[in-house]
C-alpha atoms as a PDB file:
ATOM      1  CA  UNK A   1       0.000   0.000   0.000  1.00  0.00           C
ATOM      2  CA  UNK A   2       1.357   3.305  -0.894  1.00  0.00           C
ATOM      3  CA  UNK A   3       2.104   5.994   1.652  1.00  0.00           C
ATOM      4  CA  UNK A   4      -0.571   8.067   0.147  1.00  0.00           C
ATOM      5  CA  UNK A   5      -3.175   5.401   0.797  1.00  0.00           C
ATOM      6  CA  UNK A   6      -1.961   4.812   4.353  1.00  0.00           C
ATOM      7  CA  UNK A   7      -2.239   8.499   5.216  1.00  0.00           C
ATOM      8  CA  UNK A   8      -5.665   8.624   3.825  1.00  0.00           C
ATOM      9  CA  UNK A   9      -6.729   5.612   5.848  1.00  0.00           C
ATOM     10  CA  UNK A  10      -5.222   7.050   9.011  1.00  0.00           C
ATOM     11  CA  UNK A  11      -7.171  10.249   8.547  1.00  0.00           C
ATOM     12  CA  UNK A  12     -10.377   8.287   8.030  1.00  0.00           C
ATOM     13  CA  UNK A  13      -9.881   6.283  11.250  1.00  0.00           C
ATOM     14  CA  UNK A  14      -9.219   9.436  13.240  1.00  0.00           C
ATOM     15  CA  UNK A  15     -12.329  10.951  11.827  1.00  0.00           C
ATOM     16  CA  UNK A  16     -14.367   7.878  12.774  1.00  0.00           C
ATOM     17  CA  UNK A  17     -12.943   7.948  16.301  1.00  0.00           C
ATOM     18  CA  UNK A  18     -13.901  11.575  16.656  1.00  0.00           C
ATOM     19  CA  UNK A  19     -17.411  10.851  15.414  1.00  0.00           C
ATOM     20  CA  UNK A  20     -17.755   7.929  17.818  1.00  0.00           C
ATOM     21  CA  UNK A  21     -16.504  10.082  20.666  1.00  0.00           C
ATOM     22  CA  UNK A  22     -18.887  12.846  19.691  1.00  0.00           C
ATOM     23  CA  UNK A  23     -21.818  10.429  19.557  1.00  0.00           C
ATOM     24  CA  UNK A  24     -20.955   9.084  23.026  1.00  0.00           C
ATOM     25  CA  UNK A  25     -20.667  12.595  24.420  1.00  0.00           C
ATOM     26  CA  UNK A  26     -24.012  13.472  22.893  1.00  0.00           C
ATOM     27  CA  UNK A  27     -25.583  10.364  24.424  1.00  0.00           C
ATOM     28  CA  UNK A  28     -24.024  11.176  27.789  1.00  0.00           C
ATOM     29  CA  UNK A  29     -25.276  14.740  27.562  1.00  0.00           C
ATOM     30  CA  UNK A  30     -28.746  13.514  26.742  1.00  0.00           C
ATOM     31  CA  UNK A  31     -28.677  11.023  29.592  1.00  0.00           C
ATOM     32  CA  UNK A  32     -27.463  13.708  31.957  1.00  0.00           C
ATOM     33  CA  UNK A  33     -30.154  16.036  30.749  1.00  0.00           C
ATOM     34  CA  UNK A  34     -32.793  13.339  31.132  1.00  0.00           C
ATOM     35  CA  UNK A  35     -31.541  12.551  34.628  1.00  0.00           C
ATOM     36  CA  UNK A  36     -31.627  16.240  35.491  1.00  0.00           C
ATOM     37  CA  UNK A  37     -35.151  16.541  34.138  1.00  0.00           C
ATOM     38  CA  UNK A  38     -36.260  13.473  36.103  1.00  0.00           C
ATOM     39  CA  UNK A  39     -34.620  14.832  39.226  1.00  0.00           C
ATOM     40  CA  UNK A  40     -36.266  18.197  38.718  1.00  0.00           C
ATOM     41  CA  UNK A  41     -39.614  16.561  38.165  1.00  0.00           C
ATOM     42  CA  UNK A  42     -39.226  14.584  41.378  1.00  0.00           C
ATOM     43  CA  UNK A  43     -38.224  17.699  43.277  1.00  0.00           C
ATOM     44  CA  UNK A  44     -41.169  19.542  41.822  1.00  0.00           C
ATOM     45  CA  UNK A  45     -43.576  16.788  42.876  1.00  0.00           C
ATOM     46  CA  UNK A  46     -41.972  16.698  46.264  1.00  0.00           C
ATOM     47  CA  UNK A  47     -42.345  20.462  46.606  1.00  0.00           C
ATOM     48  CA  UNK A  48     -45.960  20.275  45.510  1.00  0.00           C
ATOM     49  CA  UNK A  49     -46.676  17.552  48.080  1.00  0.00           C
ATOM     50  CA  UNK A  50     -44.872  19.487  50.790  1.00  0.00           C
ATOM     51  CA  UNK A  51     -46.872  22.626  49.995  1.00  0.00           C
ATOM     52  CA  UNK A  52     -50.131  20.674  50.228  1.00  0.00           C
ATOM     53  CA  UNK A  53     -49.021  19.246  53.572  1.00  0.00           C
ATOM     54  CA  UNK A  54     -48.127  22.713  54.845  1.00  0.00           C
ATOM     55  CA  UNK A  55     -51.433  24.083  53.671  1.00  0.00           C
ATOM     56  CA  UNK A  56     -53.303  21.325  55.492  1.00  0.00           C
ATOM     57  CA  UNK A  57     -51.308  21.960  58.656  1.00  0.00           C
ATOM     58  CA  UNK A  58     -51.953  25.683  58.445  1.00  0.00           C
ATOM     59  CA  UNK A  59     -55.681  25.106  57.977  1.00  0.00           C
ATOM     60  CA  UNK A  60     -55.778  22.670  60.878  1.00  0.00           C
ATOM     61  CA  UNK A  61     -53.842  25.113  63.043  1.00  0.00           C
ATOM     62  CA  UNK A  62     -56.276  27.846  62.108  1.00  0.00           C
ATOM     63  CA  UNK A  63     -59.219  25.642  63.034  1.00  0.00           C
ATOM     64  CA  UNK A  64     -57.568  24.681  66.340  1.00  0.00           C
ATOM     65  CA  UNK A  65     -56.873  28.332  67.065  1.00  0.00           C
ATOM     66  CA  UNK A  66     -60.481  29.283  66.345  1.00  0.00           C
ATOM     67  CA  UNK A  67     -61.769  26.472  68.546  1.00  0.00           C
ATOM     68  CA  UNK A  68     -59.456  27.436  71.391  1.00  0.00           C
ATOM     69  CA  UNK A  69     -60.289  31.086  70.915  1.00  0.00           C
ATOM     70  CA  UNK A  70     -64.016  30.324  71.071  1.00  0.00           C
ATOM     71  CA  UNK A  71     -63.479  28.309  74.260  1.00  0.00           C
ATOM     72  CA  UNK A  72     -61.469  31.149  75.783  1.00  0.00           C
ATOM     73  CA  UNK A  73     -64.135  33.684  74.816  1.00  0.00           C
ATOM     74  CA  UNK A  74     -66.853  31.470  76.295  1.00  0.00           C
ATOM     75  CA  UNK A  75     -64.814  31.003  79.465  1.00  0.00           C
ATOM     76  CA  UNK A  76     -64.214  34.748  79.700  1.00  0.00           C
ATOM     77  CA  UNK A  77     -67.941  35.412  79.261  1.00  0.00           C
ATOM     78  CA  UNK A  78     -68.779  32.966  82.055  1.00  0.00           C
ATOM     79  CA  UNK A  79     -66.163  34.529  84.346  1.00  0.00           C
ATOM     80  CA  UNK A  80     -67.469  37.977  83.464  1.00  0.00           C
ATOM     81  CA  UNK A  81     -71.051  36.949  84.324  1.00  0.00           C
ATOM     82  CA  UNK A  82     -69.893  35.361  87.603  1.00  0.00           C
ATOM     83  CA  UNK A  83     -67.972  38.534  88.444  1.00  0.00           C
ATOM     84  CA  UNK A  84     -71.045  40.687  87.778  1.00  0.00           C
ATOM     85  CA  UNK A  85     -73.201  38.394  89.956  1.00  0.00           C
ATOM     86  CA  UNK A  86     -70.629  38.534  92.775  1.00  0.00           C
ATOM     87  CA  UNK A  87     -70.482  42.323  92.540  1.00  0.00           C
ATOM     88  CA  UNK A  88     -74.287  42.531  92.685  1.00  0.00           C
ATOM     89  CA  UNK A  89     -74.360  40.182  95.703  1.00  0.00           C
ATOM     90  CA  UNK A  90     -71.639  42.221  97.397  1.00  0.00           C
ATOM     91  CA  UNK A  91     -73.447  45.525  96.786  1.00  0.00           C
ATOM     92  CA  UNK A  92     -76.774  44.046  97.953  1.00  0.00           C
ATOM     93  CA  UNK A  93     -75.148  42.611 101.093  1.00  0.00           C
ATOM     94  CA  UNK A  94     -73.392  45.892 101.799  1.00  0.00           C
ATOM     95  CA  UNK A  95     -76.621  47.871 101.393  1.00  0.00           C
ATOM     96  CA  UNK A  96     -78.479  45.349 103.602  1.00  0.00           C
ATOM     97  CA  UNK A  97     -75.839  45.618 106.336  1.00  0.00           C
ATOM     98  CA  UNK A  98     -75.836  49.425 106.167  1.00  0.00           C
ATOM     99  CA  UNK A  99     -79.643  49.502 106.376  1.00  0.00           C
ATOM    100  CA  UNK A 100     -79.571  47.026 109.271  1.00  0.00           C
ATOM    101  CA  UNK A 101     -77.082  49.219 111.156  1.00  0.00           C
ATOM    102  CA  UNK A 102     -79.151  52.342 110.463  1.00  0.00           C
ATOM    103  CA  UNK A 103     -82.378  50.657 111.642  1.00  0.00           C
ATOM    104  CA  UNK A 104     -80.692  49.325 114.782  1.00  0.00           C
ATOM    105  CA  UNK A 105     -79.307  52.746 115.673  1.00  0.00           C
ATOM    106  CA  UNK A 106     -82.660  54.372 114.946  1.00  0.00           C
ATOM    107  CA  UNK A 107     -84.599  51.782 116.988  1.00  0.00           C
ATOM    108  CA  UNK A 108     -82.254  52.077 119.945  1.00  0.00           C
ATOM    109  CA  UNK A 109     -82.421  55.864 119.874  1.00  0.00           C
ATOM    110  CA  UNK A 110     -86.241  55.926 119.635  1.00  0.00           C
ATOM    111  CA  UNK A 111     -86.685  53.498 122.528  1.00  0.00           C
ATOM    112  CA  UNK A 112     -84.218  55.383 124.723  1.00  0.00           C
ATOM    113  CA  UNK A 113     -86.078  58.637 124.028  1.00  0.00           C
ATOM    114  CA  UNK A 114     -89.424  56.979 124.825  1.00  0.00           C
ATOM    115  CA  UNK A 115     -88.016  55.489 128.024  1.00  0.00           C
ATOM    116  CA  UNK A 116     -86.604  58.817 129.181  1.00  0.00           C
ATOM    117  CA  UNK A 117     -89.888  60.560 128.360  1.00  0.00           C
ATOM    118  CA  UNK A 118     -92.550  58.236 129.774  1.00  0.00           C
ATOM    119  CA  UNK A 119     -90.881  56.225 132.578  1.00  0.00           C
ATOM    120  CA  UNK A 120     -90.669  57.850 135.975  1.00  0.00           C
ATOM    121  CA  UNK A 121     -88.537  55.687 138.197  1.00  0.00           C
ATOM    122  CA  UNK A 122     -89.106  55.321 141.955  1.00  0.00           C
ATOM    123  CA  UNK A 123     -86.028  57.406 142.769  1.00  0.00           C
ATOM    124  CA  UNK A 124     -87.591  60.300 140.827  1.00  0.00           C
ATOM    125  CA  UNK A 125     -91.025  60.080 142.490  1.00  0.00           C
ATOM    126  CA  UNK A 126     -91.702  62.764 145.098  1.00  0.00           C
ATOM    127  CA  UNK A 127     -93.506  60.418 147.492  1.00  0.00           C
ATOM    128  CA  UNK A 128     -92.012  56.952 146.927  1.00  0.00           C
ATOM    129  CA  UNK A 129     -94.111  55.493 149.741  1.00  0.00           C
ATOM    130  CA  UNK A 130     -97.159  55.925 147.491  1.00  0.00           C
ATOM    131  CA  UNK A 131     -95.626  53.413 145.068  1.00  0.00           C
ATOM    132  CA  UNK A 132     -95.431  49.939 146.568  1.00  0.00           C
ATOM    133  CA  UNK A 133     -93.410  46.935 145.439  1.00  0.00           C
ATOM    134  CA  UNK A 134     -90.883  48.875 143.318  1.00  0.00           C
ATOM    135  CA  UNK A 135     -93.265  49.750 140.514  1.00  0.00           C
ATOM    136  CA  UNK A 136     -92.326  52.732 138.380  1.00  0.00           C
ATOM    137  CA  UNK A 137     -94.828  55.168 136.921  1.00  0.00           C
ATOM    138  CA  UNK A 138     -95.584  55.209 133.219  1.00  0.00           C
ATOM    139  CA  UNK A 139     -96.977  58.259 131.439  1.00  0.00           C
ATOM    140  CA  UNK A 140     -99.610  56.667 129.196  1.00  0.00           C
ATOM    141  CA  UNK A 141    -100.924  60.053 128.101  1.00  0.00           C
ATOM    142  CA  UNK A 142     -97.648  60.758 126.280  1.00  0.00           C
ATOM    143  CA  UNK A 143     -97.534  57.216 124.901  1.00  0.00           C
ATOM    144  CA  UNK A 144    -101.065  57.484 123.515  1.00  0.00           C
ATOM    145  CA  UNK A 145    -100.184  60.800 121.909  1.00  0.00           C
ATOM    146  CA  UNK A 146     -97.447  58.985 119.999  1.00  0.00           C
ATOM    147  CA  UNK A 147     -99.524  55.929 119.074  1.00  0.00           C
ATOM    148  CA  UNK A 148    -103.041  54.863 120.050  1.00  0.00           C
ATOM    149  CA  UNK A 149    -102.008  51.208 119.604  1.00  0.00           C
ATOM    150  CA  UNK A 150     -99.989  51.344 122.836  1.00  0.00           C
ATOM    151  CA  UNK A 151    -101.763  49.096 125.380  1.00  0.00           C
ATOM    152  CA  UNK A 152     -99.069  48.692 128.031  1.00  0.00           C
ATOM    153  CA  UNK A 153     -95.441  48.782 129.063  1.00  0.00           C
ATOM    154  CA  UNK A 154     -93.028  45.973 130.008  1.00  0.00           C
ATOM    155  CA  UNK A 155     -89.948  46.007 132.246  1.00  0.00           C
ATOM    156  CA  UNK A 156     -87.688  43.176 133.405  1.00  0.00           C
ATOM    157  CA  UNK A 157     -85.425  44.300 136.291  1.00  0.00           C
ATOM    158  CA  UNK A 158     -81.677  43.612 135.902  1.00  0.00           C
ATOM    159  CA  UNK A 159     -82.006  43.687 132.113  1.00  0.00           C
ATOM    160  CA  UNK A 160     -82.371  46.388 129.471  1.00  0.00           C
ATOM    161  CA  UNK A 161     -85.900  45.246 128.595  1.00  0.00           C
ATOM    162  CA  UNK A 162     -88.083  48.326 129.007  1.00  0.00           C
ATOM    163  CA  UNK A 163     -90.490  48.984 126.138  1.00  0.00           C
ATOM    164  CA  UNK A 164     -94.024  50.027 125.233  1.00  0.00           C
ATOM    165  CA  UNK A 165     -96.334  47.163 124.262  1.00  0.00           C
ATOM    166  CA  UNK A 166     -98.393  47.642 121.101  1.00  0.00           C
ATOM    167  CA  UNK A 167    -101.286  45.665 119.650  1.00  0.00           C
ATOM    168  CA  UNK A 168    -102.550  45.650 116.052  1.00  0.00           C
ATOM    169  CA  UNK A 169    -105.247  43.774 114.141  1.00  0.00           C
ATOM    170  CA  UNK A 170    -102.733  41.042 113.269  1.00  0.00           C
ATOM    171  CA  UNK A 171     -99.317  39.825 114.388  1.00  0.00           C
ATOM    172  CA  UNK A 172     -97.528  41.015 111.237  1.00  0.00           C
ATOM    173  CA  UNK A 173     -97.977  44.766 111.487  1.00  0.00           C
ATOM    174  CA  UNK A 174     -95.449  45.589 114.211  1.00  0.00           C
ATOM    175  CA  UNK A 175     -92.912  42.961 113.172  1.00  0.00           C
ATOM    176  CA  UNK A 176     -91.217  45.638 111.081  1.00  0.00           C
ATOM    177  CA  UNK A 177     -92.649  48.927 112.306  1.00  0.00           C
ATOM    178  CA  UNK A 178     -91.617  51.174 115.174  1.00  0.00           C
ATOM    179  CA  UNK A 179     -93.898  52.963 117.595  1.00  0.00           C
ATOM    180  CA  UNK A 180     -94.312  55.770 115.047  1.00  0.00           C
ATOM    181  CA  UNK A 181     -95.643  53.216 112.521  1.00  0.00           C
ATOM    182  CA  UNK A 182     -92.604  53.776 110.323  1.00  0.00           C
ATOM    183  CA  UNK A 183     -90.782  50.880 108.680  1.00  0.00           C
ATOM    184  CA  UNK A 184     -87.979  49.495 110.824  1.00  0.00           C
ATOM    185  CA  UNK A 185     -86.703  45.917 110.562  1.00  0.00           C
ATOM    186  CA  UNK A 186     -86.203  45.901 114.355  1.00  0.00           C
ATOM    187  CA  UNK A 187     -89.966  46.121 114.827  1.00  0.00           C
ATOM    188  CA  UNK A 188     -91.674  46.688 118.183  1.00  0.00           C
ATOM    189  CA  UNK A 189     -92.761  44.733 121.249  1.00  0.00           C
ATOM    190  CA  UNK A 190     -96.357  43.702 120.615  1.00  0.00           C
ATOM    191  CA  UNK A 191     -99.173  41.622 122.113  1.00  0.00           C
ATOM    192  CA  UNK A 192    -100.906  38.796 120.266  1.00  0.00           C
ATOM    193  CA  UNK A 193    -103.836  40.313 118.386  1.00  0.00           C
ATOM    194  CA  UNK A 194    -106.287  37.788 119.909  1.00  0.00           C
ATOM    195  CA  UNK A 195    -105.456  38.742 123.509  1.00  0.00           C
ATOM    196  CA  UNK A 196    -107.446  41.051 125.746  1.00  0.00           C
ATOM    197  CA  UNK A 197    -105.279  44.192 126.272  1.00  0.00           C
ATOM    198  CA  UNK A 198    -106.254  44.181 129.975  1.00  0.00           C
ATOM    199  CA  UNK A 199    -104.245  40.955 130.566  1.00  0.00           C
ATOM    200  CA  UNK A 200    -107.338  39.007 131.626  1.00  0.00           C
ATOM    201  CA  UNK A 201    -106.858  35.941 129.366  1.00  0.00           C
ATOM    202  CA  UNK A 202    -105.593  32.552 130.518  1.00  0.00           C
ATOM    203  CA  UNK A 203    -102.349  33.268 128.684  1.00  0.00           C
ATOM    204  CA  UNK A 204    -101.269  36.699 127.439  1.00  0.00           C
ATOM    205  CA  UNK A 205     -98.608  36.461 124.755  1.00  0.00           C
ATOM    206  CA  UNK A 206     -96.050  39.160 123.931  1.00  0.00           C
ATOM    207  CA  UNK A 207     -93.612  38.984 121.006  1.00  0.00           C
ATOM    208  CA  UNK A 208     -90.331  40.753 120.292  1.00  0.00           C
ATOM    209  CA  UNK A 209     -87.285  40.368 118.086  1.00  0.00           C
ATOM    210  CA  UNK A 210     -83.918  39.093 119.275  1.00  0.00           C
ATOM    211  CA  UNK A 211     -81.535  41.750 117.923  1.00  0.00           C
ATOM    212  CA  UNK A 212     -77.774  41.373 117.664  1.00  0.00           C
ATOM    213  CA  UNK A 213     -77.250  44.730 119.369  1.00  0.00           C
ATOM    214  CA  UNK A 214     -78.827  43.264 122.535  1.00  0.00           C
ATOM    215  CA  UNK A 215     -82.089  45.228 122.400  1.00  0.00           C
ATOM    216  CA  UNK A 216     -85.761  44.206 122.297  1.00  0.00           C
ATOM    217  CA  UNK A 217     -86.091  40.624 123.647  1.00  0.00           C
ATOM    218  CA  UNK A 218     -82.456  39.621 123.034  1.00  0.00           C
ATOM    219  CA  UNK A 219     -81.842  39.210 126.769  1.00  0.00           C
ATOM    220  CA  UNK A 220     -84.339  36.349 126.961  1.00  0.00           C
ATOM    221  CA  UNK A 221     -81.402  34.344 125.593  1.00  0.00           C
ATOM    222  CA  UNK A 222     -79.402  35.397 128.662  1.00  0.00           C
ATOM    223  CA  UNK A 223     -82.239  34.246 130.928  1.00  0.00           C
ATOM    224  CA  UNK A 224     -82.360  30.935 129.040  1.00  0.00           C
ATOM    225  CA  UNK A 225     -78.599  30.476 129.531  1.00  0.00           C
ATOM    226  CA  UNK A 226     -78.945  31.212 133.273  1.00  0.00           C
ATOM    227  CA  UNK A 227     -76.821  34.371 133.181  1.00  0.00           C
ATOM    228  CA  UNK A 228     -79.416  36.507 134.987  1.00  0.00           C
ATOM    229  CA  UNK A 229     -80.268  34.113 137.795  1.00  0.00           C
ATOM    230  CA  UNK A 230     -83.167  31.908 138.814  1.00  0.00           C
ATOM    231  CA  UNK A 231     -85.498  34.656 140.031  1.00  0.00           C
ATOM    232  CA  UNK A 232     -86.947  36.552 137.118  1.00  0.00           C
ATOM    233  CA  UNK A 233     -89.653  39.139 137.758  1.00  0.00           C
ATOM    234  CA  UNK A 234     -91.511  40.952 135.000  1.00  0.00           C
ATOM    235  CA  UNK A 235     -93.360  44.237 135.560  1.00  0.00           C
ATOM    236  CA  UNK A 236     -96.317  44.973 133.316  1.00  0.00           C
ATOM    237  CA  UNK A 237     -98.039  48.360 133.278  1.00  0.00           C
ATOM    238  CA  UNK A 238    -101.395  49.293 131.796  1.00  0.00           C
ATOM    239  CA  UNK A 239    -103.299  52.544 132.298  1.00  0.00           C
ATOM    240  CA  UNK A 240    -104.960  51.637 135.593  1.00  0.00           C
ATOM    241  CA  UNK A 241    -102.958  48.668 136.847  1.00  0.00           C
ATOM    242  CA  UNK A 242     -99.451  47.417 137.487  1.00  0.00           C
ATOM    243  CA  UNK A 243     -98.804  43.655 137.448  1.00  0.00           C
ATOM    244  CA  UNK A 244     -95.870  41.549 138.537  1.00  0.00           C
ATOM    245  CA  UNK A 245     -95.217  38.173 136.962  1.00  0.00           C
ATOM    246  CA  UNK A 246     -92.625  35.624 138.086  1.00  0.00           C
ATOM    247  CA  UNK A 247     -91.007  33.226 135.600  1.00  0.00           C
ATOM    248  CA  UNK A 248     -91.718  29.511 136.112  1.00  0.00           C
ATOM    249  CA  UNK A 249     -90.533  28.035 132.785  1.00  0.00           C
ATOM    250  CA  UNK A 250     -88.200  28.772 129.886  1.00  0.00           C
ATOM    251  CA  UNK A 251     -87.363  26.508 126.950  1.00  0.00           C
ATOM    252  CA  UNK A 252     -86.747  26.342 123.209  1.00  0.00           C
ATOM    253  CA  UNK A 253     -89.423  25.334 120.740  1.00  0.00           C
ATOM    254  CA  UNK A 254     -89.779  24.918 116.989  1.00  0.00           C
ATOM    255  CA  UNK A 255     -92.104  27.676 115.698  1.00  0.00           C
ATOM    256  CA  UNK A 256     -94.442  25.454 113.660  1.00  0.00           C
ATOM    257  CA  UNK A 257     -94.535  22.530 116.047  1.00  0.00           C
ATOM    258  CA  UNK A 258     -95.720  24.467 119.062  1.00  0.00           C
ATOM    259  CA  UNK A 259     -98.222  27.264 118.391  1.00  0.00           C
ATOM    260  CA  UNK A 260     -98.762  29.416 121.462  1.00  0.00           C
ATOM    261  CA  UNK A 261    -102.199  29.122 123.061  1.00  0.00           C
ATOM    262  CA  UNK A 262    -104.001  32.019 124.703  1.00  0.00           C
ATOM    263  CA  UNK A 263    -106.825  29.931 126.184  1.00  0.00           C
ATOM    264  CA  UNK A 264    -106.805  26.404 127.614  1.00  0.00           C
ATOM    265  CA  UNK A 265    -109.231  23.570 128.134  1.00  0.00           C
ATOM    266  CA  UNK A 266    -106.832  22.031 130.651  1.00  0.00           C
ATOM    267  CA  UNK A 267    -104.663  24.742 132.171  1.00  0.00           C
ATOM    268  CA  UNK A 268    -103.169  22.492 134.859  1.00  0.00           C
ATOM    269  CA  UNK A 269    -101.783  20.126 132.227  1.00  0.00           C
ATOM    270  CA  UNK A 270    -100.316  23.065 130.309  1.00  0.00           C
ATOM    271  CA  UNK A 271     -98.534  24.331 133.451  1.00  0.00           C
ATOM    272  CA  UNK A 272     -97.193  20.879 134.377  1.00  0.00           C
ATOM    273  CA  UNK A 273     -95.833  20.257 130.871  1.00  0.00           C
ATOM    274  CA  UNK A 274     -94.127  23.660 130.764  1.00  0.00           C
ATOM    275  CA  UNK A 275     -92.465  23.173 134.130  1.00  0.00           C
ATOM    276  CA  UNK A 276     -91.161  19.771 132.991  1.00  0.00           C
ATOM    277  CA  UNK A 277     -89.621  21.157 129.793  1.00  0.00           C
ATOM    278  CA  UNK A 278     -88.068  24.195 131.499  1.00  0.00           C
ATOM    279  CA  UNK A 279     -84.295  24.510 131.199  1.00  0.00           C
ATOM    280  CA  UNK A 280     -84.169  26.305 134.566  1.00  0.00           C
ATOM    281  CA  UNK A 281     -85.862  25.212 137.783  1.00  0.00           C
ATOM    282  CA  UNK A 282     -87.502  28.399 139.044  1.00  0.00           C
ATOM    283  CA  UNK A 283     -89.256  26.603 141.956  1.00  0.00           C
ATOM    284  CA  UNK A 284     -92.525  28.376 141.177  1.00  0.00           C
ATOM    285  CA  UNK A 285     -95.724  26.361 140.680  1.00  0.00           C
ATOM    286  CA  UNK A 286     -98.749  28.347 139.450  1.00  0.00           C
ATOM    287  CA  UNK A 287    -102.367  27.491 140.179  1.00  0.00           C
ATOM    288  CA  UNK A 288    -104.862  26.992 137.392  1.00  0.00           C
ATOM    289  CA  UNK A 289    -106.619  30.230 138.399  1.00  0.00           C
ATOM    290  CA  UNK A 290    -103.479  32.371 138.023  1.00  0.00           C
ATOM    291  CA  UNK A 291    -102.964  34.479 134.950  1.00  0.00           C
ATOM    292  CA  UNK A 292    -100.016  33.474 132.748  1.00  0.00           C
ATOM    293  CA  UNK A 293     -97.746  35.748 130.738  1.00  0.00           C
ATOM    294  CA  UNK A 294     -95.738  34.326 127.801  1.00  0.00           C
ATOM    295  CA  UNK A 295     -92.794  36.096 126.180  1.00  0.00           C
ATOM    296  CA  UNK A 296     -91.601  34.816 122.815  1.00  0.00           C
ATOM    297  CA  UNK A 297     -88.528  35.580 120.709  1.00  0.00           C
ATOM    298  CA  UNK A 298     -86.156  33.740 118.363  1.00  0.00           C
ATOM    299  CA  UNK A 299     -82.952  32.171 119.667  1.00  0.00           C
ATOM    300  CA  UNK A 300     -79.485  33.277 118.542  1.00  0.00           C
ATOM    301  CA  UNK A 301     -79.537  30.870 115.585  1.00  0.00           C
ATOM    302  CA  UNK A 302     -82.902  32.126 114.326  1.00  0.00           C
ATOM    303  CA  UNK A 303     -84.151  28.546 113.886  1.00  0.00           C
ATOM    304  CA  UNK A 304     -85.989  28.036 117.176  1.00  0.00           C
ATOM    305  CA  UNK A 305     -87.977  30.201 119.538  1.00  0.00           C
ATOM    306  CA  UNK A 306     -87.255  30.904 123.179  1.00  0.00           C
ATOM    307  CA  UNK A 307     -90.443  30.790 125.219  1.00  0.00           C
ATOM    308  CA  UNK A 308     -90.664  32.176 128.748  1.00  0.00           C
ATOM    309  CA  UNK A 309     -93.755  31.603 130.895  1.00  0.00           C
ATOM    310  CA  UNK A 310     -94.482  33.646 134.013  1.00  0.00           C
ATOM    311  CA  UNK A 311     -97.323  33.631 136.521  1.00  0.00           C
ATOM    312  CA  UNK A 312     -99.055  36.706 137.919  1.00  0.00           C
ATOM    313  CA  UNK A 313     -97.990  37.148 141.536  1.00  0.00           C
ATOM    314  CA  UNK A 314     -99.027  40.749 142.190  1.00  0.00           C
ATOM    315  CA  UNK A 315    -101.631  43.217 140.980  1.00  0.00           C
ATOM    316  CA  UNK A 316    -101.739  46.836 141.988  1.00  0.00           C
ATOM    317  CA  UNK A 317    -104.197  49.622 141.150  1.00  0.00           C
ATOM    318  CA  UNK A 318    -102.607  52.793 139.808  1.00  0.00           C
ATOM    319  CA  UNK A 319    -104.237  55.937 141.193  1.00  0.00           C
END
């Protein structure tokens, strides 16, 4: 083979090698490109899936937040309502306490003024010998000028009990009215509306509140507890007479269970039963002919009543 032919062949082989190399490079480039496209497609799908997941999470978080927010708002509303109710209760209680204090002060002041105006004690009487048995004098003219419903006056020595006795057409009227017929939660001392105001019934009943400031019939609790002794005398005054009653029984009773009687079919049995239930032994035993006085108030708990029974031991005409 000539040199010319060999050179030509060599050139052709080199050209073929270059073409083969170029084809391989092209294939590699295409493969690389395809791989890159596949990878990009995968990444794109992955990104799309991740975005959907994030969107779902965000929506769920929003829903959770709304639910929690609604619960918080509902809880706040409930707390707000409770707070308002507590404030209303507090204001009502405060107003009630203030009114109670005002009524107590007013009641105490009124009764002290009445006492100083209408009661003339023995030490103040010009001729004490004209007044027997330590009876004071009561100015019923002044009392009647204040209120025509005044029917008497009650005193218990060694206590602060010293009040006018009123009587209305029912037992509700003077529960929360003073002697001037004005509203006062402390009320007045009053006689049962069915009783004869002259104290001539088998049993004359007088009611009064037990006040925390120690006024009205509060000291009946002290008698019940034995703090005033075992000899309890009660002075009752009406326009023409003065009476003395001596306690023979004191006990607690449920209000509904034991209604107070003013007249008896068997007075002896009534007296015996009351002496038996008495917390204190007064060593006084009334006869069936003797007039009985009953004082009634609530105990310190307000659940039961304290009942004191006394028998008439003295009657004196007032000139």
